[in-house]
């Protein structure tokens, strides 16, 4: 199991704490310090079955600063942009084998924790 987030994000800290409280110790990968590669993002998108749009942080300041609301980008363009700027990635991301959870969904986290 792998956890990706942003240390200054309270939702990420809460999700990480949720795992720790259930005895799950996983490294915290900071998406801002080290954004994932295009290939890694592509694997996550495919595994999630939700498309690239699910990985875009449309609520973030960076999204607004870049004026992305008014732009039409292809999936490939989004993947390249997300791989360059971790603040554009919706977080946290929990990777459990071939399952990818985007955002802090308590039900999905419970399932990943195996009811611990």
N, C-alpha and C. Protein backbone atom coordinates (compact mmCIF):
# COMPACT_ATOMS: atom_id res chain seq x y z
N UNK A 1 0.85 -1.17 0.00
CA UNK A 1 0.00 0.00 0.00
C UNK A 1 0.90 1.24 0.00
N UNK A 2 0.49 2.24 -0.78
CA UNK A 2 1.25 3.49 -0.87
C UNK A 2 0.29 4.66 -0.68
N UNK A 3 0.80 5.71 -0.05
CA UNK A 3 0.00 6.90 0.23
C UNK A 3 0.69 8.13 -0.36
N UNK A 4 -0.07 8.90 -1.13
CA UNK A 4 0.45 10.11 -1.76
C UNK A 4 -0.42 11.29 -1.33
N UNK A 5 0.23 12.36 -0.89
CA UNK A 5 -0.51 13.53 -0.44
C UNK A 5 0.37 14.75 -0.41
N UNK A 6 -0.08 15.74 0.32
CA UNK A 6 0.65 16.99 0.49
C UNK A 6 0.65 17.26 1.99
N UNK A 7 1.81 17.38 2.57
CA UNK A 7 1.93 17.48 4.03
C UNK A 7 1.18 18.66 4.63
N UNK A 8 1.00 19.74 3.88
CA UNK A 8 0.31 20.91 4.40
C UNK A 8 -1.21 20.81 4.23
N UNK A 9 -1.69 19.73 3.63
CA UNK A 9 -3.13 19.53 3.39
C UNK A 9 -3.75 18.79 4.58
N UNK A 10 -4.73 19.41 5.21
CA UNK A 10 -5.36 18.79 6.39
C UNK A 10 -6.09 17.50 6.03
N UNK A 11 -6.70 17.43 4.87
CA UNK A 11 -7.39 16.21 4.45
C UNK A 11 -6.39 15.07 4.31
N UNK A 12 -5.24 15.36 3.75
CA UNK A 12 -4.19 14.33 3.61
C UNK A 12 -3.71 13.86 4.97
N UNK A 13 -3.49 14.81 5.88
CA UNK A 13 -3.05 14.43 7.23
C UNK A 13 -4.11 13.58 7.92
N UNK A 14 -5.38 13.93 7.76
CA UNK A 14 -6.46 13.15 8.38
C UNK A 14 -6.54 11.75 7.79
N UNK A 15 -6.40 11.64 6.49
CA UNK A 15 -6.45 10.33 5.83
C UNK A 15 -5.27 9.46 6.28
N UNK A 16 -4.10 10.06 6.38
CA UNK A 16 -2.91 9.34 6.81
C UNK A 16 -3.07 8.87 8.26
N UNK A 17 -3.57 9.75 9.10
CA UNK A 17 -3.82 9.40 10.51
C UNK A 17 -4.84 8.25 10.60
N UNK A 18 -5.86 8.29 9.76
CA UNK A 18 -6.89 7.25 9.71
C UNK A 18 -6.23 5.88 9.50
N UNK A 19 -5.28 5.81 8.57
CA UNK A 19 -4.57 4.56 8.31
C UNK A 19 -3.72 4.16 9.50
N UNK A 20 -2.99 5.12 10.07
CA UNK A 20 -2.12 4.83 11.21
C UNK A 20 -2.93 4.31 12.40
N UNK A 21 -4.09 4.88 12.64
CA UNK A 21 -4.93 4.45 13.76
C UNK A 21 -5.40 3.01 13.59
N UNK A 22 -5.36 2.51 12.37
CA UNK A 22 -5.75 1.13 12.10
C UNK A 22 -4.54 0.22 11.95
N UNK A 23 -3.39 0.73 12.37
CA UNK A 23 -2.17 -0.07 12.37
C UNK A 23 -1.50 -0.19 11.02
N UNK A 24 -1.88 0.65 10.08
CA UNK A 24 -1.29 0.58 8.75
C UNK A 24 -0.22 1.66 8.64
N UNK A 25 1.01 1.22 8.55
CA UNK A 25 2.15 2.14 8.42
C UNK A 25 2.62 2.11 6.98
N UNK A 26 2.44 3.21 6.30
CA UNK A 26 2.91 3.35 4.93
C UNK A 26 3.69 4.65 4.82
N UNK A 27 4.68 4.70 3.93
CA UNK A 27 5.40 5.96 3.76
C UNK A 27 4.49 7.03 3.16
N UNK A 28 4.73 8.27 3.55
CA UNK A 28 3.98 9.41 3.04
C UNK A 28 4.79 10.00 1.89
N UNK A 29 4.28 9.85 0.67
CA UNK A 29 4.93 10.42 -0.51
C UNK A 29 4.31 11.79 -0.76
N UNK A 30 5.13 12.82 -0.74
CA UNK A 30 4.63 14.18 -0.94
C UNK A 30 4.55 14.49 -2.43
N UNK A 31 3.32 14.69 -2.93
CA UNK A 31 3.08 14.95 -4.35
C UNK A 31 3.66 16.29 -4.81
N UNK A 32 3.80 17.23 -3.89
CA UNK A 32 4.32 18.54 -4.25
C UNK A 32 5.84 18.51 -4.34
N UNK A 33 6.47 17.85 -3.38
CA UNK A 33 7.93 17.74 -3.40
C UNK A 33 8.42 16.89 -4.56
N UNK A 34 7.68 15.81 -4.84
CA UNK A 34 8.07 14.91 -5.92
C UNK A 34 6.83 14.42 -6.66
N UNK A 35 6.38 15.18 -7.66
CA UNK A 35 5.20 14.76 -8.43
C UNK A 35 5.44 13.44 -9.14
N UNK A 36 4.40 12.66 -9.33
CA UNK A 36 4.55 11.38 -10.04
C UNK A 36 4.84 11.60 -11.52
N UNK A 37 5.43 10.61 -12.14
CA UNK A 37 5.73 10.69 -13.57
C UNK A 37 4.44 10.53 -14.38
N UNK A 38 4.52 10.88 -15.64
CA UNK A 38 3.39 10.70 -16.54
C UNK A 38 2.98 9.22 -16.57
N UNK A 39 3.97 8.34 -16.60
CA UNK A 39 3.68 6.90 -16.66
C UNK A 39 2.96 6.43 -15.39
N UNK A 40 3.42 6.92 -14.24
CA UNK A 40 2.77 6.53 -12.99
C UNK A 40 1.34 7.05 -12.95
N UNK A 41 1.15 8.30 -13.34
CA UNK A 41 -0.21 8.87 -13.39
C UNK A 41 -1.09 8.07 -14.34
N UNK A 42 -0.55 7.70 -15.48
CA UNK A 42 -1.31 6.92 -16.46
C UNK A 42 -1.76 5.58 -15.85
N UNK A 43 -0.87 4.92 -15.10
CA UNK A 43 -1.23 3.65 -14.44
C UNK A 43 -2.35 3.86 -13.42
N UNK A 44 -2.23 4.95 -12.63
CA UNK A 44 -3.25 5.24 -11.62
C UNK A 44 -4.61 5.51 -12.27
N UNK A 45 -4.60 6.31 -13.34
CA UNK A 45 -5.84 6.64 -14.03
C UNK A 45 -6.50 5.37 -14.55
N UNK A 46 -5.69 4.51 -15.16
CA UNK A 46 -6.22 3.25 -15.70
C UNK A 46 -6.78 2.37 -14.57
N UNK A 47 -6.03 2.25 -13.48
CA UNK A 47 -6.47 1.40 -12.37
C UNK A 47 -7.71 1.95 -11.69
N UNK A 48 -7.83 3.26 -11.62
CA UNK A 48 -9.00 3.86 -10.95
C UNK A 48 -10.26 3.70 -11.77
N UNK A 49 -10.12 3.66 -13.09
CA UNK A 49 -11.27 3.55 -13.97
C UNK A 49 -12.11 4.82 -14.02
N UNK A 50 -11.56 5.92 -13.52
CA UNK A 50 -12.32 7.16 -13.43
C UNK A 50 -11.90 8.22 -14.43
N UNK A 51 -10.84 8.00 -15.16
CA UNK A 51 -10.36 8.99 -16.11
C UNK A 51 -9.48 10.03 -15.44
N UNK A 52 -8.80 10.81 -16.26
CA UNK A 52 -7.87 11.82 -15.77
C UNK A 52 -8.58 12.88 -14.93
N UNK A 53 -9.81 13.21 -15.30
CA UNK A 53 -10.55 14.28 -14.60
C UNK A 53 -10.61 14.05 -13.09
N UNK A 54 -10.67 12.81 -12.65
CA UNK A 54 -10.76 12.50 -11.22
C UNK A 54 -9.48 12.89 -10.47
N UNK A 55 -8.39 13.08 -11.18
CA UNK A 55 -7.10 13.39 -10.57
C UNK A 55 -6.77 14.88 -10.56
N UNK A 56 -7.67 15.69 -11.10
CA UNK A 56 -7.41 17.13 -11.20
C UNK A 56 -8.00 17.84 -9.99
N UNK A 57 -7.17 18.60 -9.31
CA UNK A 57 -7.59 19.37 -8.14
C UNK A 57 -8.18 20.70 -8.61
N UNK A 58 -9.46 20.66 -8.95
CA UNK A 58 -10.14 21.84 -9.48
C UNK A 58 -10.46 22.87 -8.40
N UNK A 59 -10.32 22.49 -7.14
CA UNK A 59 -10.59 23.41 -6.03
C UNK A 59 -9.35 24.16 -5.57
N UNK A 60 -8.21 23.78 -6.08
CA UNK A 60 -6.96 24.35 -5.60
C UNK A 60 -6.63 25.72 -6.17
N UNK A 61 -5.82 26.43 -5.42
CA UNK A 61 -5.36 27.76 -5.81
C UNK A 61 -4.58 27.71 -7.12
N UNK A 62 -3.74 26.71 -7.25
CA UNK A 62 -2.88 26.60 -8.43
C UNK A 62 -3.71 26.47 -9.71
N UNK A 63 -4.79 25.71 -9.65
CA UNK A 63 -5.70 25.53 -10.78
C UNK A 63 -6.25 26.89 -11.23
N UNK A 64 -6.65 27.69 -10.25
CA UNK A 64 -7.19 29.03 -10.56
C UNK A 64 -6.09 29.96 -11.07
N UNK A 65 -4.92 29.91 -10.43
CA UNK A 65 -3.82 30.78 -10.84
C UNK A 65 -3.45 30.57 -12.31
N UNK A 66 -3.49 29.34 -12.76
CA UNK A 66 -3.11 29.02 -14.14
C UNK A 66 -4.26 29.20 -15.13
N UNK A 67 -5.44 29.57 -14.62
CA UNK A 67 -6.60 29.80 -15.50
C UNK A 67 -7.05 28.54 -16.22
N UNK A 68 -6.92 27.39 -15.57
CA UNK A 68 -7.22 26.12 -16.23
C UNK A 68 -8.71 25.87 -16.43
N UNK A 69 -9.53 26.58 -15.70
CA UNK A 69 -10.99 26.41 -15.84
C UNK A 69 -11.44 26.72 -17.28
N UNK A 70 -10.78 27.66 -17.88
CA UNK A 70 -11.18 28.11 -19.21
C UNK A 70 -10.42 27.44 -20.34
N UNK A 71 -9.61 26.43 -20.02
CA UNK A 71 -8.82 25.75 -21.04
C UNK A 71 -9.36 24.35 -21.30
N UNK A 72 -9.23 23.93 -22.53
CA UNK A 72 -9.60 22.57 -22.91
C UNK A 72 -8.32 21.81 -23.23
N UNK A 73 -7.99 20.85 -22.38
CA UNK A 73 -6.77 20.08 -22.55
C UNK A 73 -7.11 18.61 -22.81
N UNK A 74 -6.28 17.95 -23.58
CA UNK A 74 -6.44 16.51 -23.80
C UNK A 74 -5.98 15.77 -22.55
N UNK A 75 -6.33 14.49 -22.46
CA UNK A 75 -5.88 13.68 -21.32
C UNK A 75 -4.36 13.67 -21.24
N UNK A 76 -3.71 13.57 -22.39
CA UNK A 76 -2.25 13.52 -22.42
C UNK A 76 -1.66 14.84 -21.92
N UNK A 77 -2.26 15.96 -22.32
CA UNK A 77 -1.80 17.26 -21.84
C UNK A 77 -1.99 17.38 -20.33
N UNK A 78 -3.12 16.89 -19.83
CA UNK A 78 -3.35 16.91 -18.38
C UNK A 78 -2.30 16.07 -17.65
N UNK A 79 -2.03 14.88 -18.17
CA UNK A 79 -1.03 14.02 -17.53
C UNK A 79 0.32 14.72 -17.43
N UNK A 80 0.72 15.39 -18.49
CA UNK A 80 2.01 16.10 -18.47
C UNK A 80 1.96 17.27 -17.48
N UNK A 81 0.87 17.99 -17.44
CA UNK A 81 0.74 19.12 -16.51
C UNK A 81 0.76 18.63 -15.06
N UNK A 82 0.00 17.57 -14.78
CA UNK A 82 -0.05 17.01 -13.41
C UNK A 82 1.33 16.50 -12.97
N UNK A 83 2.08 15.94 -13.91
CA UNK A 83 3.40 15.40 -13.56
C UNK A 83 4.41 16.52 -13.29
N UNK A 84 4.09 17.73 -13.70
CA UNK A 84 4.98 18.87 -13.48
C UNK A 84 4.65 19.67 -12.23
N UNK A 85 3.39 19.56 -11.76
CA UNK A 85 2.95 20.38 -10.63
C UNK A 85 2.02 19.57 -9.72
N UNK A 86 2.57 19.05 -8.63
CA UNK A 86 1.81 18.22 -7.71
C UNK A 86 0.63 18.91 -7.06
N UNK A 87 0.63 20.24 -7.03
CA UNK A 87 -0.51 20.95 -6.43
C UNK A 87 -1.75 20.87 -7.30
N UNK A 88 -1.58 20.45 -8.54
CA UNK A 88 -2.73 20.30 -9.44
C UNK A 88 -3.40 18.93 -9.28
N UNK A 89 -2.79 18.06 -8.50
CA UNK A 89 -3.31 16.70 -8.34
C UNK A 89 -4.26 16.65 -7.16
N UNK A 90 -5.45 16.08 -7.39
CA UNK A 90 -6.40 15.89 -6.30
C UNK A 90 -5.78 14.89 -5.33
N UNK A 91 -5.94 15.15 -4.07
CA UNK A 91 -5.29 14.32 -3.06
C UNK A 91 -6.21 14.07 -1.87
N UNK A 92 -5.86 13.10 -1.06
CA UNK A 92 -4.75 12.14 -1.18
C UNK A 92 -5.07 11.06 -2.20
N UNK A 93 -4.03 10.29 -2.52
CA UNK A 93 -4.17 9.14 -3.40
C UNK A 93 -3.66 7.92 -2.62
N UNK A 94 -4.51 6.93 -2.51
CA UNK A 94 -4.13 5.69 -1.84
C UNK A 94 -4.05 4.60 -2.91
N UNK A 95 -2.89 3.96 -3.01
CA UNK A 95 -2.68 2.90 -3.98
C UNK A 95 -2.52 1.60 -3.20
N UNK A 96 -3.43 0.67 -3.47
CA UNK A 96 -3.42 -0.62 -2.79
C UNK A 96 -3.46 -1.70 -3.85
N UNK A 97 -2.28 -2.15 -4.26
CA UNK A 97 -2.21 -3.12 -5.35
C UNK A 97 -2.68 -2.49 -6.64
N UNK A 98 -3.73 -3.06 -7.22
CA UNK A 98 -4.25 -2.51 -8.47
C UNK A 98 -5.46 -1.60 -8.23
N UNK A 99 -5.68 -1.23 -6.99
CA UNK A 99 -6.80 -0.35 -6.63
C UNK A 99 -6.26 1.03 -6.26
N UNK A 100 -6.90 2.07 -6.80
CA UNK A 100 -6.47 3.44 -6.55
C UNK A 100 -7.67 4.23 -6.04
N UNK A 101 -7.50 4.88 -4.88
CA UNK A 101 -8.55 5.71 -4.29
C UNK A 101 -8.08 7.16 -4.34
N UNK A 102 -8.87 8.01 -5.00
CA UNK A 102 -8.54 9.43 -5.11
C UNK A 102 -9.43 10.19 -4.15
N UNK A 103 -8.82 10.99 -3.27
CA UNK A 103 -9.58 11.70 -2.25
C UNK A 103 -9.73 10.81 -1.02
N UNK A 104 -10.20 11.39 0.07
CA UNK A 104 -10.34 10.64 1.32
C UNK A 104 -11.77 10.13 1.43
N UNK A 105 -11.97 8.92 0.92
CA UNK A 105 -13.26 8.23 0.97
C UNK A 105 -13.16 7.21 2.10
N UNK A 106 -13.80 7.52 3.23
CA UNK A 106 -13.67 6.66 4.42
C UNK A 106 -14.07 5.21 4.16
N UNK A 107 -15.11 5.00 3.37
CA UNK A 107 -15.56 3.64 3.06
C UNK A 107 -14.47 2.88 2.31
N UNK A 108 -13.88 3.53 1.32
CA UNK A 108 -12.81 2.88 0.54
C UNK A 108 -11.58 2.64 1.41
N UNK A 109 -11.29 3.57 2.32
CA UNK A 109 -10.14 3.42 3.22
C UNK A 109 -10.39 2.28 4.20
N UNK A 110 -11.61 2.16 4.69
CA UNK A 110 -11.96 1.04 5.58
C UNK A 110 -11.74 -0.29 4.86
N UNK A 111 -12.18 -0.35 3.61
CA UNK A 111 -12.02 -1.57 2.83
C UNK A 111 -10.53 -1.88 2.63
N UNK A 112 -9.75 -0.85 2.35
CA UNK A 112 -8.31 -1.04 2.15
C UNK A 112 -7.63 -1.46 3.46
N UNK A 113 -8.15 -0.95 4.57
CA UNK A 113 -7.59 -1.29 5.88
C UNK A 113 -8.02 -2.69 6.32
N UNK A 114 -8.94 -3.28 5.59
CA UNK A 114 -9.39 -4.63 5.93
C UNK A 114 -10.17 -4.68 7.23
N UNK A 115 -10.86 -3.57 7.55
CA UNK A 115 -11.69 -3.55 8.76
C UNK A 115 -10.89 -3.50 10.04
N UNK A 116 -9.60 -3.12 9.97
CA UNK A 116 -8.77 -3.06 11.19
C UNK A 116 -9.24 -1.98 12.12
